[in-house]
């Protein structure tokens, strides 16, 4: 088993954003995805400026413009 200290956090963030984009949908001019990931990962994505603040009662997170663009890029890079 890989220990947390051995994980490449940058790659993990990229893959997390790509996976999050699989449940994304456009609504009222923004792109949202369900909060189905670990809270620590969501906070990392928020810190990077890829999603809006995930804390709140909403069941989804909102992608930033940069996050939406990068999600497609990362999905292609890591899984195509």
C-alpha atoms as a PDB file:
ATOM      1  CA  UNK A   1       0.000   0.000   0.000  1.00  0.00           C
ATOM      2  CA  UNK A   2       1.271   3.471  -0.868  1.00  0.00           C
ATOM      3  CA  UNK A   3       1.714   5.824   2.070  1.00  0.00           C
ATOM      4  CA  UNK A   4       0.255   9.322   1.821  1.00  0.00           C
ATOM      5  CA  UNK A   5       3.761  10.855   1.938  1.00  0.00           C
ATOM      6  CA  UNK A   6       4.675   8.918  -1.237  1.00  0.00           C
ATOM      7  CA  UNK A   7       1.753  10.264  -3.298  1.00  0.00           C
ATOM      8  CA  UNK A   8       2.449  12.947  -5.887  1.00  0.00           C
ATOM      9  CA  UNK A   9      -0.049  15.579  -4.690  1.00  0.00           C
ATOM     10  CA  UNK A  10       0.028  17.456  -8.015  1.00  0.00           C
ATOM     11  CA  UNK A  11      -0.916  14.364 -10.010  1.00  0.00           C
ATOM     12  CA  UNK A  12      -3.550  13.463  -7.424  1.00  0.00           C
ATOM     13  CA  UNK A  13      -5.129  16.919  -7.765  1.00  0.00           C
ATOM     14  CA  UNK A  14      -5.132  16.645 -11.572  1.00  0.00           C
ATOM     15  CA  UNK A  15      -6.758  13.212 -11.525  1.00  0.00           C
ATOM     16  CA  UNK A  16      -9.274  14.313  -8.876  1.00  0.00           C
ATOM     17  CA  UNK A  17     -10.353  17.270 -11.029  1.00  0.00           C
ATOM     18  CA  UNK A  18     -10.611  15.007 -14.089  1.00  0.00           C
ATOM     19  CA  UNK A  19     -12.752  12.476 -12.206  1.00  0.00           C
ATOM     20  CA  UNK A  20     -14.901  15.235 -10.723  1.00  0.00           C
ATOM     21  CA  UNK A  21     -15.589  16.454 -14.244  1.00  0.00           C
ATOM     22  CA  UNK A  22     -17.210  13.114 -15.110  1.00  0.00           C
ATOM     23  CA  UNK A  23     -20.278  14.153 -13.077  1.00  0.00           C
ATOM     24  CA  UNK A  24     -20.196  17.782 -14.240  1.00  0.00           C
ATOM     25  CA  UNK A  25     -23.220  19.506 -15.723  1.00  0.00           C
ATOM     26  CA  UNK A  26     -23.919  23.070 -16.852  1.00  0.00           C
ATOM     27  CA  UNK A  27     -26.635  24.900 -14.933  1.00  0.00           C
ATOM     28  CA  UNK A  28     -27.511  28.599 -14.828  1.00  0.00           C
ATOM     29  CA  UNK A  29     -24.282  29.578 -16.569  1.00  0.00           C
ATOM     30  CA  UNK A  30     -21.902  27.598 -14.334  1.00  0.00           C
ATOM     31  CA  UNK A  31     -20.544  24.070 -14.391  1.00  0.00           C
ATOM     32  CA  UNK A  32     -21.262  22.000 -11.295  1.00  0.00           C
ATOM     33  CA  UNK A  33     -20.257  18.521 -10.124  1.00  0.00           C
ATOM     34  CA  UNK A  34     -21.413  16.433  -7.173  1.00  0.00           C
ATOM     35  CA  UNK A  35     -19.249  16.551  -4.032  1.00  0.00           C
ATOM     36  CA  UNK A  36     -18.252  12.914  -4.253  1.00  0.00           C
ATOM     37  CA  UNK A  37     -14.599  13.289  -3.330  1.00  0.00           C
ATOM     38  CA  UNK A  38     -12.663  13.451  -0.095  1.00  0.00           C
ATOM     39  CA  UNK A  39     -12.969  16.857   1.623  1.00  0.00           C
ATOM     40  CA  UNK A  40      -9.190  17.239   1.682  1.00  0.00           C
ATOM     41  CA  UNK A  41      -9.038  16.781  -2.095  1.00  0.00           C
ATOM     42  CA  UNK A  42     -11.861  19.278  -2.610  1.00  0.00           C
ATOM     43  CA  UNK A  43      -9.991  21.793  -0.461  1.00  0.00           C
ATOM     44  CA  UNK A  44      -6.843  21.227  -2.555  1.00  0.00           C
ATOM     45  CA  UNK A  45      -8.810  21.881  -5.758  1.00  0.00           C
ATOM     46  CA  UNK A  46     -10.239  25.042  -4.187  1.00  0.00           C
ATOM     47  CA  UNK A  47      -6.783  26.231  -3.085  1.00  0.00           C
ATOM     48  CA  UNK A  48      -5.546  25.775  -6.656  1.00  0.00           C
ATOM     49  CA  UNK A  49      -8.428  27.943  -7.902  1.00  0.00           C
ATOM     50  CA  UNK A  50     -10.076  25.120  -9.876  1.00  0.00           C
ATOM     51  CA  UNK A  51     -13.372  25.030  -7.944  1.00  0.00           C
ATOM     52  CA  UNK A  52     -15.229  27.512  -5.767  1.00  0.00           C
ATOM     53  CA  UNK A  53     -15.260  27.019  -1.995  1.00  0.00           C
ATOM     54  CA  UNK A  54     -16.702  23.527  -1.377  1.00  0.00           C
ATOM     55  CA  UNK A  55     -17.854  24.284   2.173  1.00  0.00           C
ATOM     56  CA  UNK A  56     -21.590  24.709   2.487  1.00  0.00           C
ATOM     57  CA  UNK A  57     -24.921  22.934   2.302  1.00  0.00           C
ATOM     58  CA  UNK A  58     -24.857  22.559  -1.489  1.00  0.00           C
ATOM     59  CA  UNK A  59     -24.452  19.025  -2.746  1.00  0.00           C
ATOM     60  CA  UNK A  60     -22.309  20.171  -5.643  1.00  0.00           C
ATOM     61  CA  UNK A  61     -19.243  22.315  -6.277  1.00  0.00           C
ATOM     62  CA  UNK A  62     -18.840  24.957  -8.972  1.00  0.00           C
ATOM     63  CA  UNK A  63     -15.905  24.814 -11.362  1.00  0.00           C
ATOM     64  CA  UNK A  64     -13.994  28.020 -12.035  1.00  0.00           C
ATOM     65  CA  UNK A  65     -13.367  28.871 -15.695  1.00  0.00           C
ATOM     66  CA  UNK A  66      -9.779  27.652 -15.292  1.00  0.00           C
ATOM     67  CA  UNK A  67     -10.921  24.485 -13.532  1.00  0.00           C
ATOM     68  CA  UNK A  68     -13.401  23.667 -16.273  1.00  0.00           C
ATOM     69  CA  UNK A  69     -10.707  24.063 -18.939  1.00  0.00           C
ATOM     70  CA  UNK A  70      -8.102  22.098 -16.992  1.00  0.00           C
ATOM     71  CA  UNK A  71     -10.535  19.286 -16.137  1.00  0.00           C
ATOM     72  CA  UNK A  72     -10.908  18.464 -19.827  1.00  0.00           C
ATOM     73  CA  UNK A  73      -7.143  18.696 -20.330  1.00  0.00           C
ATOM     74  CA  UNK A  74      -6.382  16.439 -17.344  1.00  0.00           C
ATOM     75  CA  UNK A  75      -9.048  13.898 -18.348  1.00  0.00           C
ATOM     76  CA  UNK A  76      -7.414  13.638 -21.759  1.00  0.00           C
ATOM     77  CA  UNK A  77      -3.856  13.562 -20.347  1.00  0.00           C
ATOM     78  CA  UNK A  78      -4.435  10.869 -17.740  1.00  0.00           C
ATOM     79  CA  UNK A  79      -7.154   8.707 -19.254  1.00  0.00           C
ATOM     80  CA  UNK A  80      -7.259   9.064 -23.062  1.00  0.00           C
END
